[in-house]
Amino acid sequence: MCLFSSFVFCLQGGNAFADKVGRLLDPELRRLASCLPARAVEAKASSTTERYSRAFQKFREWASCHREITPLPSDDISVALYLEFLLQSNCSISALESACYGISWAHNLYGFPTPCNSSLVKNILEAGKRKLAKPVSKKEPVTPVMINELCIKFAGPSASLSDLRLAAICVTAYAAFLRFNELAALRCCDVKFCDNTFVEITIVKSKTDQYRDGSRVLLAKTGSISCPFDLLERYVCSAGLQLSSTLPFFRALYYQKSNCSYKLRSEGMSYTRTREIVLHAFAELGYPKSMFGLHSLRAGGASAAANAGISDRLFKRHGRWKSDSAKDGYVKDKLDSLLSVSRSLGC
């Protein structure tokens, strides 16, 4: 929020909003009005606000170098010139889009019409995206065979705490369609073993859960080598976790030389470290690291469920998708499923 704070202060006294507030005579109304910018910014997630604020700050810094450009309120020519400046600076598509989002956000925040809705700005943005476009190289989804191979190698009867943690991370992310942020935010008290038949995982904070209602994911006990119930239970016992604790469920480890064993730290795991151990494990199984990422676990579980014929309603609920287009982007159809389309035509 520090970027937003400096953004607010730079506007005070010079824009229409500040002028309107200045004309209020009632002290109580003036006090309430002073709270509005900070309140309005809470309409979006803090990470989104930070991103938009940073993008607008860059536009404001560029505008300060040119007397004829006003950052707020701005106009379509000024924004189009800024986008052209970014294009000639060899920026990315993401930087172009962030610039438009940030400028629109700042204008909407103070009640100004956004210049980014003009045909000129839209055309410059589309032209820039065409110029900078590169082929999409999506990571491959993890397959059920890979999950079974991983569990056979790393979750045997004599597996160490480090290996059990690895297997539990992979199987949980795969079976529950977890994003890394959801996995990292998982606390001990969010995992509950029920009637020796399934484990209930509470997702307190999710990318698509804007109002923090939370959601539950149920993972059945299957009895297989990659059973999420059994692996999580083994991990809990080996790590000595207290399921009433609010500490992270998956945590960093340290090696204790005195008794040659691993112990849990109190802090959670970083994205970099989690990705490192997961990809290293797949490399040990003979799979190229470059083809996979942490999101491959979520995509792999989603693909396996879709190819197993799970209904769309249950599929979307389990994966916490808000739209069909978002859900379908995760699924890699089996060859037989793709061939079934032409077979059904009777040719």
Protein backbone atom coordinates (compact mmCIF):
# COMPACT_ATOMS: atom_id res chain seq x y z
CA MET A 1 0.00 0.00 0.00
CA CYS A 2 3.02 2.33 0.24
CA LEU A 3 2.88 3.07 -3.48
CA PHE A 4 -0.81 3.92 -3.22
CA SER A 5 -0.18 6.23 -0.28
CA SER A 6 2.37 8.27 -2.23
CA PHE A 7 -0.02 8.25 -5.18
CA VAL A 8 -2.82 9.72 -3.04
CA PHE A 9 -0.60 12.42 -1.56
CA CYS A 10 0.65 13.47 -4.99
CA LEU A 11 -2.94 14.11 -6.07
CA GLN A 12 -4.20 16.05 -3.07
CA GLY A 13 -4.87 19.74 -3.80
CA GLY A 14 -4.56 19.40 -7.57
CA ASN A 15 -7.49 17.36 -8.82
CA ALA A 16 -11.25 17.62 -8.99
CA PHE A 17 -11.73 15.27 -6.06
CA ALA A 18 -9.61 17.44 -3.76
CA ASP A 19 -11.47 20.56 -4.97
CA LYS A 20 -14.85 19.01 -4.14
CA VAL A 21 -13.63 17.99 -0.69
CA GLY A 22 -12.26 21.51 -0.16
CA ARG A 23 -15.71 22.98 -0.77
CA LEU A 24 -17.30 20.94 2.02
CA LEU A 25 -18.00 23.10 5.07
CA ASP A 26 -19.15 20.46 7.54
CA PRO A 27 -16.07 19.12 9.42
CA GLU A 28 -17.65 15.67 9.75
CA LEU A 29 -18.27 15.47 5.99
CA ARG A 30 -14.70 16.58 5.35
CA ARG A 31 -13.44 13.86 7.69
CA LEU A 32 -15.55 11.20 5.96
CA ALA A 33 -14.49 12.42 2.51
CA SER A 34 -10.83 12.16 3.46
CA CYS A 35 -11.35 8.42 4.03
CA LEU A 36 -12.89 7.74 0.62
CA PRO A 37 -9.72 7.22 -1.51
CA ALA A 38 -8.25 4.67 0.90
CA ARG A 39 -11.65 2.99 1.25
CA ALA A 40 -12.22 2.81 -2.51
CA VAL A 41 -8.85 1.16 -3.03
CA GLU A 42 -9.99 -1.76 -0.85
CA ALA A 43 -12.41 -2.77 -3.61
CA LYS A 44 -9.63 -4.90 -5.09
CA ALA A 45 -7.20 -7.38 -3.57
CA SER A 46 -4.07 -5.80 -2.09
CA SER A 47 -1.84 -7.55 -4.66
CA THR A 48 -3.96 -6.15 -7.52
CA THR A 49 -3.92 -2.68 -6.01
CA GLU A 50 -0.16 -2.83 -5.63
CA ARG A 51 0.26 -3.88 -9.26
CA TYR A 52 -2.06 -1.18 -10.61
CA SER A 53 -0.51 1.46 -8.38
CA ARG A 54 2.98 0.57 -9.55
CA ALA A 55 1.92 0.71 -13.20
CA PHE A 56 0.30 4.13 -12.77
CA GLN A 57 3.34 5.40 -10.87
CA LYS A 58 5.51 4.56 -13.91
CA PHE A 59 3.11 6.47 -16.16
CA ARG A 60 3.22 9.44 -13.78
CA GLU A 61 7.03 9.42 -13.75
CA TRP A 62 7.11 9.38 -17.56
CA ALA A 63 4.54 12.19 -17.72
CA SER A 64 6.64 14.34 -15.35
CA CYS A 65 9.32 14.47 -18.05
CA HIS A 66 6.93 16.05 -20.54
CA ARG A 67 5.20 19.34 -19.75
CA GLU A 68 2.33 18.71 -22.15
CA ILE A 69 1.30 15.42 -20.48
CA THR A 70 -1.04 15.36 -17.48
CA PRO A 71 -1.26 11.98 -15.72
CA LEU A 72 -4.59 12.54 -13.99
CA PRO A 73 -6.94 13.20 -15.58
CA SER A 74 -5.22 12.17 -18.76
CA ASP A 75 -6.43 11.85 -22.36
CA ASP A 76 -6.27 9.23 -25.09
CA ILE A 77 -3.40 10.94 -26.97
CA SER A 78 -1.23 11.01 -23.84
CA VAL A 79 -1.89 7.36 -23.04
CA ALA A 80 -1.32 6.31 -26.67
CA LEU A 81 2.01 8.17 -26.65
CA TYR A 82 3.00 6.38 -23.44
CA LEU A 83 2.14 2.98 -24.94
CA GLU A 84 4.22 3.85 -28.02
CA PHE A 85 7.09 4.80 -25.69
CA LEU A 86 6.81 1.40 -23.97
CA LEU A 87 6.73 -0.40 -27.33
CA GLN A 88 9.86 1.36 -28.51
CA SER A 89 11.50 0.43 -25.18
CA ASN A 90 11.04 -3.29 -26.02
CA CYS A 91 8.59 -3.89 -23.19
CA SER A 92 6.53 -7.06 -22.73
CA ILE A 93 2.82 -7.57 -23.45
CA SER A 94 2.30 -7.74 -19.70
CA ALA A 95 3.83 -4.27 -19.27
CA LEU A 96 1.52 -2.84 -21.93
CA GLU A 97 -1.57 -4.35 -20.36
CA SER A 98 -0.51 -3.33 -16.86
CA ALA A 99 -0.08 0.26 -18.02
CA CYS A 100 -3.66 0.37 -19.32
CA TYR A 101 -5.04 -1.36 -16.23
CA GLY A 102 -3.16 0.98 -13.90
CA ILE A 103 -4.20 4.14 -15.73
CA SER A 104 -7.85 3.01 -15.87
CA TRP A 105 -7.78 2.08 -12.18
CA ALA A 106 -6.45 5.50 -11.15
CA HIS A 107 -9.05 7.34 -13.23
CA ASN A 108 -11.92 5.20 -11.96
CA LEU A 109 -10.75 5.68 -8.39
CA TYR A 110 -11.22 9.44 -8.62
CA GLY A 111 -14.30 9.41 -10.84
CA PHE A 112 -12.63 10.47 -14.09
CA PRO A 113 -13.55 8.86 -17.44
CA THR A 114 -10.75 6.51 -18.42
CA PRO A 115 -8.87 7.39 -21.62
CA CYS A 116 -8.08 3.69 -22.12
CA ASN A 117 -11.58 3.10 -23.49
CA SER A 118 -10.89 5.18 -26.58
CA SER A 119 -10.50 3.47 -29.97
CA LEU A 120 -7.03 4.96 -30.38
CA VAL A 121 -5.67 3.46 -27.15
CA LYS A 122 -7.35 0.11 -27.82
CA ASN A 123 -5.85 -0.06 -31.31
CA ILE A 124 -2.36 0.83 -30.08
CA LEU A 125 -2.66 -1.84 -27.38
CA GLU A 126 -3.82 -4.50 -29.88
CA ALA A 127 -1.08 -3.53 -32.35
CA GLY A 128 1.49 -3.79 -29.57
CA LYS A 129 0.23 -7.23 -28.54
CA ARG A 130 0.47 -8.43 -32.15
CA LYS A 131 4.00 -7.07 -32.49
CA LEU A 132 5.20 -8.60 -29.23
CA ALA A 133 3.27 -11.87 -29.47
CA LYS A 134 5.22 -15.09 -29.01
CA PRO A 135 4.03 -18.71 -29.23
CA VAL A 136 2.55 -19.88 -25.93
CA SER A 137 4.62 -22.65 -24.37
CA LYS A 138 2.46 -24.18 -21.66
CA LYS A 139 3.90 -26.68 -19.23
CA GLU A 140 2.79 -30.28 -19.57
CA PRO A 141 0.33 -31.67 -17.00
CA VAL A 142 1.53 -34.38 -14.64
CA THR A 143 0.02 -37.78 -15.44
CA PRO A 144 -1.34 -40.48 -13.09
CA VAL A 145 1.61 -42.67 -14.13
CA MET A 146 4.06 -39.99 -12.97
CA ILE A 147 2.28 -39.64 -9.63
CA ASN A 148 2.40 -43.41 -9.06
CA GLU A 149 6.09 -43.58 -10.02
CA LEU A 150 6.87 -40.71 -7.65
CA CYS A 151 5.07 -42.40 -4.75
CA ILE A 152 6.80 -45.74 -5.40
CA LYS A 153 10.22 -44.04 -5.32
CA PHE A 154 9.72 -41.50 -2.54
CA ALA A 155 6.91 -42.82 -0.32
CA GLY A 156 8.05 -46.36 0.46
CA PRO A 157 7.72 -47.90 3.96
CA SER A 158 11.12 -46.51 5.05
CA ALA A 159 10.70 -43.05 3.50
CA SER A 160 12.29 -40.11 5.33
CA LEU A 161 10.29 -37.08 6.45
CA SER A 162 11.78 -35.14 3.53
CA ASP A 163 10.59 -37.70 0.98
CA LEU A 164 7.17 -38.05 2.63
CA ARG A 165 6.73 -34.30 2.51
CA LEU A 166 7.59 -34.30 -1.20
CA ALA A 167 5.11 -37.09 -1.98
CA ALA A 168 2.40 -35.46 0.15
CA ILE A 169 2.88 -32.09 -1.58
CA CYS A 170 2.66 -33.60 -5.07
CA VAL A 171 -0.32 -35.87 -4.38
CA THR A 172 -2.25 -33.18 -2.48
CA ALA A 173 -1.71 -30.53 -5.18
CA TYR A 174 -2.59 -33.11 -7.85
CA ALA A 175 -5.69 -34.59 -6.17
CA ALA A 176 -7.08 -31.30 -4.81
CA PHE A 177 -6.21 -29.21 -7.93
CA LEU A 178 -4.26 -26.80 -5.70
CA ARG A 179 -2.51 -23.66 -6.88
CA PHE A 180 0.81 -23.02 -5.14
CA ASN A 181 -0.63 -20.11 -3.13
CA GLU A 182 -3.37 -22.39 -1.80
CA LEU A 183 -0.83 -25.08 -0.95
CA ALA A 184 1.50 -22.61 0.80
CA ALA A 185 -1.39 -21.06 2.78
CA LEU A 186 -2.57 -24.43 4.07
CA ARG A 187 -2.41 -24.59 7.88
CA CYS A 188 -2.42 -27.63 10.14
CA CYS A 189 -5.93 -26.74 11.34
CA ASP A 190 -7.15 -26.72 7.73
CA VAL A 191 -6.60 -30.49 7.37
CA LYS A 192 -9.13 -32.85 8.96
CA PHE A 193 -9.27 -36.65 8.73
CA CYS A 194 -12.89 -37.84 8.73
CA ASP A 195 -14.23 -41.32 9.64
CA ASN A 196 -11.12 -43.00 8.26
CA THR A 197 -12.66 -42.58 4.79
CA PHE A 198 -11.65 -39.13 3.52
CA VAL A 199 -9.60 -36.06 4.37
CA GLU A 200 -11.19 -32.61 4.31
CA ILE A 201 -9.00 -29.68 3.24
CA THR A 202 -10.24 -26.15 3.91
CA ILE A 203 -9.07 -23.56 1.38
CA VAL A 204 -9.31 -20.36 3.43
CA LYS A 205 -7.97 -18.05 0.74
CA SER A 206 -8.20 -18.68 -2.98
CA LYS A 207 -7.52 -16.64 -6.12
CA THR A 208 -11.17 -16.87 -7.20
CA ASP A 209 -12.65 -16.44 -3.71
CA GLN A 210 -12.80 -12.63 -3.63
CA TYR A 211 -14.94 -12.42 -0.49
CA ARG A 212 -12.97 -15.03 1.48
CA ASP A 213 -15.95 -17.35 1.95
CA GLY A 214 -13.57 -20.30 1.90
CA SER A 215 -14.13 -23.67 0.27
CA ARG A 216 -13.66 -27.33 1.12
CA VAL A 217 -12.00 -30.06 -0.90
CA LEU A 218 -12.63 -33.69 0.01
CA LEU A 219 -10.05 -36.35 -0.86
CA ALA A 220 -11.17 -39.96 -0.60
CA LYS A 221 -9.20 -42.80 0.95
CA THR A 222 -8.42 -45.10 -1.97
CA GLY A 223 -5.89 -47.54 -0.53
CA SER A 224 -3.59 -47.14 -3.55
CA ILE A 225 0.12 -46.32 -3.44
CA SER A 226 -0.76 -42.68 -4.17
CA CYS A 227 -3.71 -42.45 -1.76
CA PRO A 228 -3.84 -38.82 -0.50
CA PHE A 229 -5.46 -39.87 2.81
CA ASP A 230 -2.69 -42.35 3.63
CA LEU A 231 0.16 -40.08 2.50
CA LEU A 232 -1.11 -37.09 4.47
CA GLU A 233 -1.67 -39.25 7.54
CA ARG A 234 1.85 -40.66 7.29
CA TYR A 235 3.29 -37.16 6.85
CA VAL A 236 1.39 -35.87 9.91
CA CYS A 237 2.64 -38.76 12.05
CA SER A 238 6.24 -38.55 10.82
CA ALA A 239 6.39 -34.77 11.29
CA GLY A 240 4.54 -34.82 14.63
CA LEU A 241 2.08 -32.17 13.47
CA GLN A 242 -0.63 -30.87 15.78
CA LEU A 243 -3.74 -30.48 13.62
CA SER A 244 -5.10 -27.82 15.96
CA SER A 245 -2.11 -25.57 15.20
CA THR A 246 -2.23 -22.54 12.92
CA LEU A 247 1.33 -23.15 11.70
CA PRO A 248 1.84 -23.96 7.99
CA PHE A 249 1.04 -27.58 7.13
CA PHE A 250 3.94 -27.95 4.68
CA ARG A 251 7.06 -26.46 6.23
CA ALA A 252 10.76 -26.04 5.65
CA LEU A 253 13.04 -28.76 7.03
CA TYR A 254 16.49 -28.91 8.56
CA TYR A 255 18.74 -31.94 8.93
CA GLN A 256 19.69 -32.96 12.48
CA LYS A 257 23.11 -34.60 12.35
CA SER A 258 22.96 -35.92 15.92
CA ASN A 259 20.30 -38.51 15.08
CA CYS A 260 20.49 -38.35 11.26
CA SER A 261 16.90 -37.22 10.77
CA TYR A 262 14.88 -34.31 9.41
CA LYS A 263 12.96 -31.85 11.62
CA LEU A 264 10.36 -29.25 10.73
CA ARG A 265 10.97 -25.54 11.02
CA SER A 266 8.16 -23.18 11.95
CA GLU A 267 8.07 -21.29 8.64
CA GLY A 268 6.37 -22.43 5.45
CA MET A 269 7.96 -23.27 2.11
CA SER A 270 8.84 -20.77 -0.60
CA TYR A 271 7.73 -21.13 -4.20
CA THR A 272 11.35 -21.45 -5.34
CA ARG A 273 12.19 -24.26 -2.92
CA THR A 274 8.96 -26.17 -3.57
CA ARG A 275 9.46 -25.96 -7.33
CA GLU A 276 13.09 -27.05 -6.94
CA ILE A 277 12.34 -30.25 -5.01
CA VAL A 278 9.33 -31.21 -7.15
CA LEU A 279 11.14 -30.78 -10.48
CA HIS A 280 14.23 -32.53 -9.11
CA ALA A 281 12.04 -35.49 -8.15
CA PHE A 282 10.55 -35.71 -11.65
CA ALA A 283 14.04 -35.43 -13.14
CA GLU A 284 15.12 -38.42 -11.03
CA LEU A 285 12.23 -40.34 -12.58
CA GLY A 286 13.55 -39.49 -16.04
CA TYR A 287 11.24 -36.61 -16.99
CA PRO A 288 12.74 -33.36 -18.36
CA LYS A 289 12.48 -30.44 -15.94
CA SER A 290 11.80 -27.94 -18.71
CA MET A 291 8.44 -29.54 -19.53
CA PHE A 292 6.92 -29.20 -16.06
CA GLY A 293 6.22 -26.68 -13.32
CA LEU A 294 4.30 -26.59 -10.04
CA HIS A 295 1.12 -25.76 -11.95
CA SER A 296 1.56 -29.06 -13.79
CA LEU A 297 0.24 -30.79 -10.67
CA ARG A 298 -3.04 -28.85 -10.72
CA ALA A 299 -3.34 -29.24 -14.50
CA GLY A 300 -2.54 -32.95 -14.22
CA GLY A 301 -5.26 -33.61 -11.66
CA ALA A 302 -7.75 -31.59 -13.70
CA SER A 303 -6.89 -33.45 -16.91
CA ALA A 304 -7.19 -36.85 -15.23
CA ALA A 305 -10.58 -35.95 -13.76
CA ALA A 306 -11.90 -34.56 -17.06
CA ASN A 307 -10.77 -37.63 -18.99
CA ALA A 308 -12.43 -39.84 -16.36
CA GLY A 309 -15.77 -38.23 -17.21
CA ILE A 310 -16.35 -36.25 -14.00
CA SER A 311 -19.35 -33.94 -14.37
CA ASP A 312 -18.66 -30.27 -15.10
CA ARG A 313 -20.42 -29.12 -11.93
CA LEU A 314 -18.29 -31.27 -9.61
CA PHE A 315 -15.19 -30.59 -11.68
CA LYS A 316 -15.54 -26.79 -11.38
CA ARG A 317 -16.40 -26.98 -7.70
CA HIS A 318 -13.42 -29.21 -6.88
CA GLY A 319 -11.03 -26.94 -8.78
CA ARG A 320 -12.62 -23.65 -7.65
CA TRP A 321 -13.01 -22.29 -11.19
CA LYS A 322 -15.45 -19.47 -11.84
CA SER A 323 -15.83 -19.96 -15.60
CA ASP A 324 -15.79 -22.74 -18.18
CA SER A 325 -13.05 -21.02 -20.18
CA ALA A 326 -10.73 -20.94 -17.14
CA LYS A 327 -11.48 -24.58 -16.36
CA ASP A 328 -10.99 -25.80 -19.95
CA GLY A 329 -7.57 -24.18 -20.16
CA TYR A 330 -6.24 -26.73 -17.66
CA VAL A 331 -7.43 -29.87 -19.41
CA LYS A 332 -5.34 -31.90 -21.84
CA ASP A 333 -7.64 -34.40 -23.53
CA LYS A 334 -6.61 -37.98 -24.15
CA LEU A 335 -5.95 -39.07 -27.72
CA ASP A 336 -8.96 -41.42 -27.68
CA SER A 337 -11.20 -38.55 -26.55
CA LEU A 338 -9.99 -36.34 -29.41
CA LEU A 339 -10.45 -39.12 -31.98
CA SER A 340 -13.96 -39.83 -30.70
CA VAL A 341 -15.18 -36.58 -32.32
CA SER A 342 -14.42 -37.70 -35.89
CA ARG A 343 -15.50 -41.27 -35.15
CA SER A 344 -18.91 -40.05 -34.11
CA LEU A 345 -19.46 -38.46 -37.54
CA GLY A 346 -19.97 -41.82 -39.24
CA CYS A 347 -17.38 -41.13 -41.93
